[in-house]
Amino acid sequence: MTNFSHIMTVCKRTESFNNMCLSTVYTNEISDDKVIMKNVMTVECCDGQVTLTDLMGRKLTIDGSLLKAELTDGYVILKTE
């Protein structure tokens, strides 16, 4: 016998992940060779550095600043030297 309450819980969790604004982060322009991280859920800017955190909790800090964020389109562009 199938446990339908468990299935509904899994579906609700999946729906909540689909509503998240995860983004791909690029340096200077949108281009496949400029991708620095995918599935980014947080972007923090402080003192000329940007710290990115992805869905799995991995962090990456680079020198640069926020150029543009289009969260509904799922991308962020950072300005780097």
PDB file of N, CA and C in Angstrom:
ATOM      1  N   MET A   1       0.840  -1.185   0.000  1.00  0.00           N
ATOM      2  CA  MET A   1       0.000   0.000   0.000  1.00  0.00           C
ATOM      3  C   MET A   1       0.883   1.246   0.000  1.00  0.00           C
ATOM      4  N   THR A   2       0.547   2.225  -0.791  1.00  0.00           N
ATOM      5  CA  THR A   2       1.322   3.457  -0.925  1.00  0.00           C
ATOM      6  C   THR A   2       0.964   4.436   0.180  1.00  0.00           C
ATOM      7  N   ASN A   3       1.985   5.075   0.727  1.00  0.00           N
ATOM      8  CA  ASN A   3       1.779   6.097   1.747  1.00  0.00           C
ATOM      9  C   ASN A   3       1.613   7.446   1.043  1.00  0.00           C
ATOM     10  N   PHE A   4       0.349   7.860   0.789  1.00  0.00           N
ATOM     11  CA  PHE A   4       0.074   9.077   0.034  1.00  0.00           C
ATOM     12  C   PHE A   4       0.503  10.338   0.772  1.00  0.00           C
ATOM     13  N   SER A   5       0.481  10.342   2.087  1.00  0.00           N
ATOM     14  CA  SER A   5       0.907  11.546   2.806  1.00  0.00           C
ATOM     15  C   SER A   5       2.400  11.793   2.582  1.00  0.00           C
ATOM     16  N   HIS A   6       3.185  10.728   2.486  1.00  0.00           N
ATOM     17  CA  HIS A   6       4.619  10.883   2.200  1.00  0.00           C
ATOM     18  C   HIS A   6       4.818  11.447   0.789  1.00  0.00           C
ATOM     19  N   ILE A   7       4.053  10.942  -0.175  1.00  0.00           N
ATOM     20  CA  ILE A   7       4.161  11.434  -1.551  1.00  0.00           C
ATOM     21  C   ILE A   7       3.800  12.916  -1.618  1.00  0.00           C
ATOM     22  N   MET A   8       2.757  13.337  -0.934  1.00  0.00           N
ATOM     23  CA  MET A   8       2.356  14.748  -0.931  1.00  0.00           C
ATOM     24  C   MET A   8       3.432  15.617  -0.295  1.00  0.00           C
ATOM     25  N   THR A   9       4.072  15.133   0.768  1.00  0.00           N
ATOM     26  CA  THR A   9       5.150  15.892   1.405  1.00  0.00           C
ATOM     27  C   THR A   9       6.303  16.082   0.436  1.00  0.00           C
ATOM     28  N   VAL A  10       6.683  15.040  -0.275  1.00  0.00           N
ATOM     29  CA  VAL A  10       7.770  15.136  -1.253  1.00  0.00           C
ATOM     30  C   VAL A  10       7.402  16.119  -2.354  1.00  0.00           C
ATOM     31  N   CYS A  11       6.172  16.065  -2.846  1.00  0.00           N
ATOM     32  CA  CYS A  11       5.734  16.993  -3.897  1.00  0.00           C
ATOM     33  C   CYS A  11       5.767  18.436  -3.409  1.00  0.00           C
ATOM     34  N   LYS A  12       5.321  18.681  -2.193  1.00  0.00           N
ATOM     35  CA  LYS A  12       5.340  20.048  -1.659  1.00  0.00           C
ATOM     36  C   LYS A  12       6.767  20.553  -1.538  1.00  0.00           C
ATOM     37  N   ARG A  13       7.674  19.697  -1.091  1.00  0.00           N
ATOM     38  CA  ARG A  13       9.083  20.111  -1.000  1.00  0.00           C
ATOM     39  C   ARG A  13       9.631  20.424  -2.384  1.00  0.00           C
ATOM     40  N   THR A  14       9.306  19.606  -3.374  1.00  0.00           N
ATOM     41  CA  THR A  14       9.770  19.841  -4.732  1.00  0.00           C
ATOM     42  C   THR A  14       9.218  21.154  -5.268  1.00  0.00           C
ATOM     43  N   GLU A  15       7.938  21.436  -5.019  1.00  0.00           N
ATOM     44  CA  GLU A  15       7.349  22.697  -5.466  1.00  0.00           C
ATOM     45  C   GLU A  15       8.068  23.880  -4.843  1.00  0.00           C
ATOM     46  N   SER A  16       8.426  23.795  -3.572  1.00  0.00           N
ATOM     47  CA  SER A  16       9.091  24.921  -2.929  1.00  0.00           C
ATOM     48  C   SER A  16      10.463  25.166  -3.542  1.00  0.00           C
ATOM     49  N   PHE A  17      11.167  24.109  -3.965  1.00  0.00           N
ATOM     50  CA  PHE A  17      12.454  24.295  -4.623  1.00  0.00           C
ATOM     51  C   PHE A  17      12.264  24.934  -5.994  1.00  0.00           C
ATOM     52  N   ASN A  18      11.192  24.593  -6.692  1.00  0.00           N
ATOM     53  CA  ASN A  18      10.945  25.179  -8.005  1.00  0.00           C
ATOM     54  C   ASN A  18      10.637  26.668  -7.917  1.00  0.00           C
ATOM     55  N   ASN A  19      10.147  27.145  -6.794  1.00  0.00           N
ATOM     56  CA  ASN A  19       9.820  28.553  -6.634  1.00  0.00           C
ATOM     57  C   ASN A  19      11.028  29.385  -6.219  1.00  0.00           C
ATOM     58  N   MET A  20      12.131  28.746  -5.952  1.00  0.00           N
ATOM     59  CA  MET A  20      13.326  29.479  -5.541  1.00  0.00           C
ATOM     60  C   MET A  20      13.935  30.187  -6.747  1.00  0.00           C
ATOM     61  N   CYS A  21      14.577  31.312  -6.503  1.00  0.00           N
ATOM     62  CA  CYS A  21      15.253  32.043  -7.570  1.00  0.00           C
ATOM     63  C   CYS A  21      16.732  31.668  -7.574  1.00  0.00           C
ATOM     64  N   LEU A  22      17.044  30.555  -8.184  1.00  0.00           N
ATOM     65  CA  LEU A  22      18.440  30.147  -8.324  1.00  0.00           C
ATOM     66  C   LEU A  22      18.972  30.766  -9.606  1.00  0.00           C
ATOM     67  N   SER A  23      20.245  31.147  -9.570  1.00  0.00           N
ATOM     68  CA  SER A  23      20.813  31.853 -10.719  1.00  0.00           C
ATOM     69  C   SER A  23      22.144  31.274 -11.137  1.00  0.00           C
ATOM     70  N   THR A  24      22.469  31.523 -12.381  1.00  0.00           N
ATOM     71  CA  THR A  24      23.808  31.254 -12.898  1.00  0.00           C
ATOM     72  C   THR A  24      24.558  32.580 -12.845  1.00  0.00           C
ATOM     73  N   VAL A  25      25.798  32.532 -12.362  1.00  0.00           N
ATOM     74  CA  VAL A  25      26.589  33.755 -12.222  1.00  0.00           C
ATOM     75  C   VAL A  25      27.697  33.762 -13.275  1.00  0.00           C
ATOM     76  N   TYR A  26      27.795  34.898 -13.948  1.00  0.00           N
ATOM     77  CA  TYR A  26      28.777  35.106 -15.010  1.00  0.00           C
ATOM     78  C   TYR A  26      29.716  36.254 -14.632  1.00  0.00           C
ATOM     79  N   THR A  27      30.894  36.274 -15.252  1.00  0.00           N
ATOM     80  CA  THR A  27      31.782  37.421 -15.102  1.00  0.00           C
ATOM     81  C   THR A  27      31.712  38.276 -16.359  1.00  0.00           C
ATOM     82  N   ASN A  28      31.383  39.537 -16.170  1.00  0.00           N
ATOM     83  CA  ASN A  28      31.418  40.597 -17.180  1.00  0.00           C
ATOM     84  C   ASN A  28      30.393  40.505 -18.310  1.00  0.00           C
ATOM     85  N   GLU A  29      29.962  39.322 -18.712  1.00  0.00           N
ATOM     86  CA  GLU A  29      28.978  39.164 -19.780  1.00  0.00           C
ATOM     87  C   GLU A  29      28.396  37.757 -19.731  1.00  0.00           C
ATOM     88  N   ILE A  30      27.237  37.595 -20.366  1.00  0.00           N
ATOM     89  CA  ILE A  30      26.624  36.268 -20.432  1.00  0.00           C
ATOM     90  C   ILE A  30      27.257  35.503 -21.589  1.00  0.00           C
ATOM     91  N   SER A  31      28.005  34.475 -21.227  1.00  0.00           N
ATOM     92  CA  SER A  31      28.687  33.633 -22.198  1.00  0.00           C
ATOM     93  C   SER A  31      29.036  32.320 -21.500  1.00  0.00           C
ATOM     94  N   ASP A  32      28.955  31.213 -22.237  1.00  0.00           N
ATOM     95  CA  ASP A  32      29.230  29.908 -21.634  1.00  0.00           C
ATOM     96  C   ASP A  32      30.614  29.837 -20.988  1.00  0.00           C
ATOM     97  N   ASP A  33      31.587  30.521 -21.562  1.00  0.00           N
ATOM     98  CA  ASP A  33      32.938  30.470 -20.996  1.00  0.00           C
ATOM     99  C   ASP A  33      33.135  31.456 -19.840  1.00  0.00           C
ATOM    100  N   LYS A  34      32.103  32.219 -19.492  1.00  0.00           N
ATOM    101  CA  LYS A  34      32.177  33.180 -18.385  1.00  0.00           C
ATOM    102  C   LYS A  34      31.395  32.728 -17.154  1.00  0.00           C
ATOM    103  N   VAL A  35      30.850  31.491 -17.169  1.00  0.00           N
ATOM    104  CA  VAL A  35      30.101  30.963 -16.019  1.00  0.00           C
ATOM    105  C   VAL A  35      31.080  30.664 -14.889  1.00  0.00           C
ATOM    106  N   ILE A  36      30.779  31.197 -13.691  1.00  0.00           N
ATOM    107  CA  ILE A  36      31.636  30.877 -12.547  1.00  0.00           C
ATOM    108  C   ILE A  36      30.927  30.007 -11.509  1.00  0.00           C
ATOM    109  N   MET A  37      29.594  30.024 -11.507  1.00  0.00           N
ATOM    110  CA  MET A  37      28.853  29.151 -10.596  1.00  0.00           C
ATOM    111  C   MET A  37      27.398  29.067 -11.042  1.00  0.00           C
ATOM    112  N   LYS A  38      26.827  27.872 -10.888  1.00  0.00           N
ATOM    113  CA  LYS A  38      25.410  27.659 -11.206  1.00  0.00           C
ATOM    114  C   LYS A  38      24.639  27.369  -9.926  1.00  0.00           C
ATOM    115  N   ASN A  39      23.319  27.478 -10.006  1.00  0.00           N
ATOM    116  CA  ASN A  39      22.419  27.203  -8.875  1.00  0.00           C
ATOM    117  C   ASN A  39      22.751  28.047  -7.644  1.00  0.00           C
ATOM    118  N   VAL A  40      23.076  29.314  -7.883  1.00  0.00           N
ATOM    119  CA  VAL A  40      23.442  30.228  -6.800  1.00  0.00           C
ATOM    120  C   VAL A  40      22.171  30.711  -6.111  1.00  0.00           C
ATOM    121  N   MET A  41      22.193  30.615  -4.768  1.00  0.00           N
ATOM    122  CA  MET A  41      21.020  31.067  -4.012  1.00  0.00           C
ATOM    123  C   MET A  41      21.293  32.334  -3.221  1.00  0.00           C
ATOM    124  N   THR A  42      22.568  32.667  -2.939  1.00  0.00           N
ATOM    125  CA  THR A  42      22.867  33.933  -2.262  1.00  0.00           C
ATOM    126  C   THR A  42      24.084  34.596  -2.908  1.00  0.00           C
ATOM    127  N   VAL A  43      24.021  35.925  -2.942  1.00  0.00           N
ATOM    128  CA  VAL A  43      25.115  36.754  -3.430  1.00  0.00           C
ATOM    129  C   VAL A  43      25.340  37.829  -2.377  1.00  0.00           C
ATOM    130  N   GLU A  44      26.557  37.890  -1.842  1.00  0.00           N
ATOM    131  CA  GLU A  44      26.889  38.894  -0.826  1.00  0.00           C
ATOM    132  C   GLU A  44      28.070  39.720  -1.317  1.00  0.00           C
ATOM    133  N   CYS A  45      27.921  41.048  -1.293  1.00  0.00           N
ATOM    134  CA  CYS A  45      28.970  41.957  -1.738  1.00  0.00           C
ATOM    135  C   CYS A  45      29.501  42.730  -0.536  1.00  0.00           C
ATOM    136  N   CYS A  46      30.828  42.745  -0.388  1.00  0.00           N
ATOM    137  CA  CYS A  46      31.438  43.458   0.732  1.00  0.00           C
ATOM    138  C   CYS A  46      32.897  43.764   0.418  1.00  0.00           C
ATOM    139  N   ASP A  47      33.259  45.046   0.519  1.00  0.00           N
ATOM    140  CA  ASP A  47      34.650  45.482   0.381  1.00  0.00           C
ATOM    141  C   ASP A  47      35.328  44.994  -0.900  1.00  0.00           C
ATOM    142  N   GLY A  48      34.643  45.128  -2.025  1.00  0.00           N
ATOM    143  CA  GLY A  48      35.242  44.767  -3.301  1.00  0.00           C
ATOM    144  C   GLY A  48      35.287  43.277  -3.587  1.00  0.00           C
ATOM    145  N   GLN A  49      34.588  42.503  -2.790  1.00  0.00           N
ATOM    146  CA  GLN A  49      34.519  41.060  -3.021  1.00  0.00           C
ATOM    147  C   GLN A  49      33.070  40.609  -3.073  1.00  0.00           C
ATOM    148  N   VAL A  50      32.830  39.545  -3.827  1.00  0.00           N
ATOM    149  CA  VAL A  50      31.501  38.961  -3.935  1.00  0.00           C
ATOM    150  C   VAL A  50      31.599  37.502  -3.493  1.00  0.00           C
ATOM    151  N   THR A  51      30.744  37.127  -2.555  1.00  0.00           N
ATOM    152  CA  THR A  51      30.695  35.740  -2.092  1.00  0.00           C
ATOM    153  C   THR A  51      29.404  35.118  -2.589  1.00  0.00           C
ATOM    154  N   LEU A  52      29.554  34.004  -3.296  1.00  0.00           N
ATOM    155  CA  LEU A  52      28.429  33.269  -3.858  1.00  0.00           C
ATOM    156  C   LEU A  52      28.243  31.984  -3.075  1.00  0.00           C
ATOM    157  N   THR A  53      26.991  31.596  -2.856  1.00  0.00           N
ATOM    158  CA  THR A  53      26.691  30.316  -2.216  1.00  0.00           C
ATOM    159  C   THR A  53      25.683  29.590  -3.085  1.00  0.00           C
ATOM    160  N   ASP A  54      25.993  28.333  -3.435  1.00  0.00           N
ATOM    161  CA  ASP A  54      25.073  27.577  -4.276  1.00  0.00           C
ATOM    162  C   ASP A  54      24.122  26.737  -3.433  1.00  0.00           C
ATOM    163  N   LEU A  55      23.239  26.037  -4.099  1.00  0.00           N
ATOM    164  CA  LEU A  55      22.195  25.251  -3.457  1.00  0.00           C
ATOM    165  C   LEU A  55      22.756  24.182  -2.528  1.00  0.00           C
ATOM    166  N   MET A  56      23.962  23.705  -2.816  1.00  0.00           N
ATOM    167  CA  MET A  56      24.586  22.663  -1.994  1.00  0.00           C
ATOM    168  C   MET A  56      25.407  23.246  -0.837  1.00  0.00           C
ATOM    169  N   GLY A  57      25.426  24.575  -0.719  1.00  0.00           N
ATOM    170  CA  GLY A  57      26.145  25.226   0.363  1.00  0.00           C
ATOM    171  C   GLY A  57      27.599  25.535   0.059  1.00  0.00           C
ATOM    172  N   ARG A  58      28.045  25.259  -1.165  1.00  0.00           N
ATOM    173  CA  ARG A  58      29.425  25.584  -1.546  1.00  0.00           C
ATOM    174  C   ARG A  58      29.554  27.091  -1.697  1.00  0.00           C
ATOM    175  N   LYS A  59      30.672  27.633  -1.242  1.00  0.00           N
ATOM    176  CA  LYS A  59      30.918  29.076  -1.307  1.00  0.00           C
ATOM    177  C   LYS A  59      32.108  29.370  -2.212  1.00  0.00           C
ATOM    178  N   LEU A  60      32.014  30.504  -2.890  1.00  0.00           N
ATOM    179  CA  LEU A  60      33.091  30.985  -3.736  1.00  0.00           C
ATOM    180  C   LEU A  60      33.172  32.491  -3.550  1.00  0.00           C
ATOM    181  N   THR A  61      34.353  32.999  -3.228  1.00  0.00           N
ATOM    182  CA  THR A  61      34.562  34.447  -3.073  1.00  0.00           C
ATOM    183  C   THR A  61      35.531  34.904  -4.150  1.00  0.00           C
ATOM    184  N   ILE A  62      35.121  35.955  -4.884  1.00  0.00           N
ATOM    185  CA  ILE A  62      35.983  36.516  -5.922  1.00  0.00           C
ATOM    186  C   ILE A  62      36.045  38.025  -5.773  1.00  0.00           C
ATOM    187  N   ASP A  63      37.113  38.620  -6.284  1.00  0.00           N
ATOM    188  CA  ASP A  63      37.230  40.076  -6.321  1.00  0.00           C
ATOM    189  C   ASP A  63      36.329  40.602  -7.429  1.00  0.00           C
ATOM    190  N   GLY A  64      35.501  41.589  -7.108  1.00  0.00           N
ATOM    191  CA  GLY A  64      34.610  42.161  -8.105  1.00  0.00           C
ATOM    192  C   GLY A  64      33.424  42.846  -7.464  1.00  0.00           C
ATOM    193  N   SER A  65      32.455  43.192  -8.306  1.00  0.00           N
ATOM    194  CA  SER A  65      31.242  43.859  -7.828  1.00  0.00           C
ATOM    195  C   SER A  65      30.051  43.397  -8.662  1.00  0.00           C
ATOM    196  N   LEU A  66      28.866  43.674  -8.154  1.00  0.00           N
ATOM    197  CA  LEU A  66      27.641  43.294  -8.845  1.00  0.00           C
ATOM    198  C   LEU A  66      27.388  44.257 -10.000  1.00  0.00           C
ATOM    199  N   LEU A  67      27.273  43.736 -11.202  1.00  0.00           N
ATOM    200  CA  LEU A  67      26.968  44.545 -12.372  1.00  0.00           C
ATOM    201  C   LEU A  67      25.464  44.521 -12.655  1.00  0.00           C
ATOM    202  N   LYS A  68      24.857  43.315 -12.621  1.00  0.00           N
ATOM    203  CA  LYS A  68      23.433  43.183 -12.908  1.00  0.00           C
ATOM    204  C   LYS A  68      22.913  41.875 -12.337  1.00  0.00           C
ATOM    205  N   ALA A  69      21.678  41.916 -11.836  1.00  0.00           N
ATOM    206  CA  ALA A  69      21.011  40.706 -11.350  1.00  0.00           C
ATOM    207  C   ALA A  69      19.606  40.664 -11.929  1.00  0.00           C
ATOM    208  N   GLU A  70      19.317  39.655 -12.710  1.00  0.00           N
ATOM    209  CA  GLU A  70      17.987  39.409 -13.269  1.00  0.00           C
ATOM    210  C   GLU A  70      17.506  38.093 -12.677  1.00  0.00           C
ATOM    211  N   LEU A  71      16.939  38.156 -11.483  1.00  0.00           N
ATOM    212  CA  LEU A  71      16.594  36.941 -10.750  1.00  0.00           C
ATOM    213  C   LEU A  71      15.443  36.175 -11.389  1.00  0.00           C
ATOM    214  N   THR A  72      14.508  36.870 -12.004  1.00  0.00           N
ATOM    215  CA  THR A  72      13.416  36.145 -12.662  1.00  0.00           C
ATOM    216  C   THR A  72      13.907  35.430 -13.917  1.00  0.00           C
ATOM    217  N   ASP A  73      14.983  35.924 -14.517  1.00  0.00           N
ATOM    218  CA  ASP A  73      15.577  35.259 -15.677  1.00  0.00           C
ATOM    219  C   ASP A  73      16.698  34.306 -15.268  1.00  0.00           C
ATOM    220  N   GLY A  74      17.071  34.323 -13.992  1.00  0.00           N
ATOM    221  CA  GLY A  74      18.022  33.352 -13.469  1.00  0.00           C
ATOM    222  C   GLY A  74      19.480  33.618 -13.765  1.00  0.00           C
ATOM    223  N   TYR A  75      19.856  34.917 -13.830  1.00  0.00           N
ATOM    224  CA  TYR A  75      21.284  35.178 -14.005  1.00  0.00           C
ATOM    225  C   TYR A  75      21.741  36.403 -13.221  1.00  0.00           C
ATOM    226  N   VAL A  76      23.044  36.380 -12.917  1.00  0.00           N
ATOM    227  CA  VAL A  76      23.720  37.487 -12.242  1.00  0.00           C
ATOM    228  C   VAL A  76      25.023  37.713 -13.011  1.00  0.00           C
ATOM    229  N   ILE A  77      25.356  38.977 -13.239  1.00  0.00           N
ATOM    230  CA  ILE A  77      26.616  39.326 -13.890  1.00  0.00           C
ATOM    231  C   ILE A  77      27.465  40.106 -12.907  1.00  0.00           C
ATOM    232  N   LEU A  78      28.694  39.652 -12.714  1.00  0.00           N
ATOM    233  CA  LEU A  78      29.641  40.340 -11.842  1.00  0.00           C
ATOM    234  C   LEU A  78      30.671  41.061 -12.692  1.00  0.00           C
ATOM    235  N   LYS A  79      31.064  42.239 -12.228  1.00  0.00           N
ATOM    236  CA  LYS A  79      32.125  42.998 -12.888  1.00  0.00           C
ATOM    237  C   LYS A  79      33.442  42.614 -12.221  1.00  0.00           C
ATOM    238  N   THR A  80      34.367  42.076 -13.036  1.00  0.00           N
ATOM    239  CA  THR A  80      35.681  41.696 -12.519  1.00  0.00           C
ATOM    240  C   THR A  80      36.751  42.345 -13.398  1.00  0.00           C
ATOM    241  N   GLU A  81      37.932  42.427 -12.865  1.00  0.00           N
ATOM    242  CA  GLU A  81      39.051  43.025 -13.618  1.00  0.00           C
ATOM    243  C   GLU A  81      39.592  42.059 -14.647  1.00  0.00           C
TER     244      GLU A  81
END
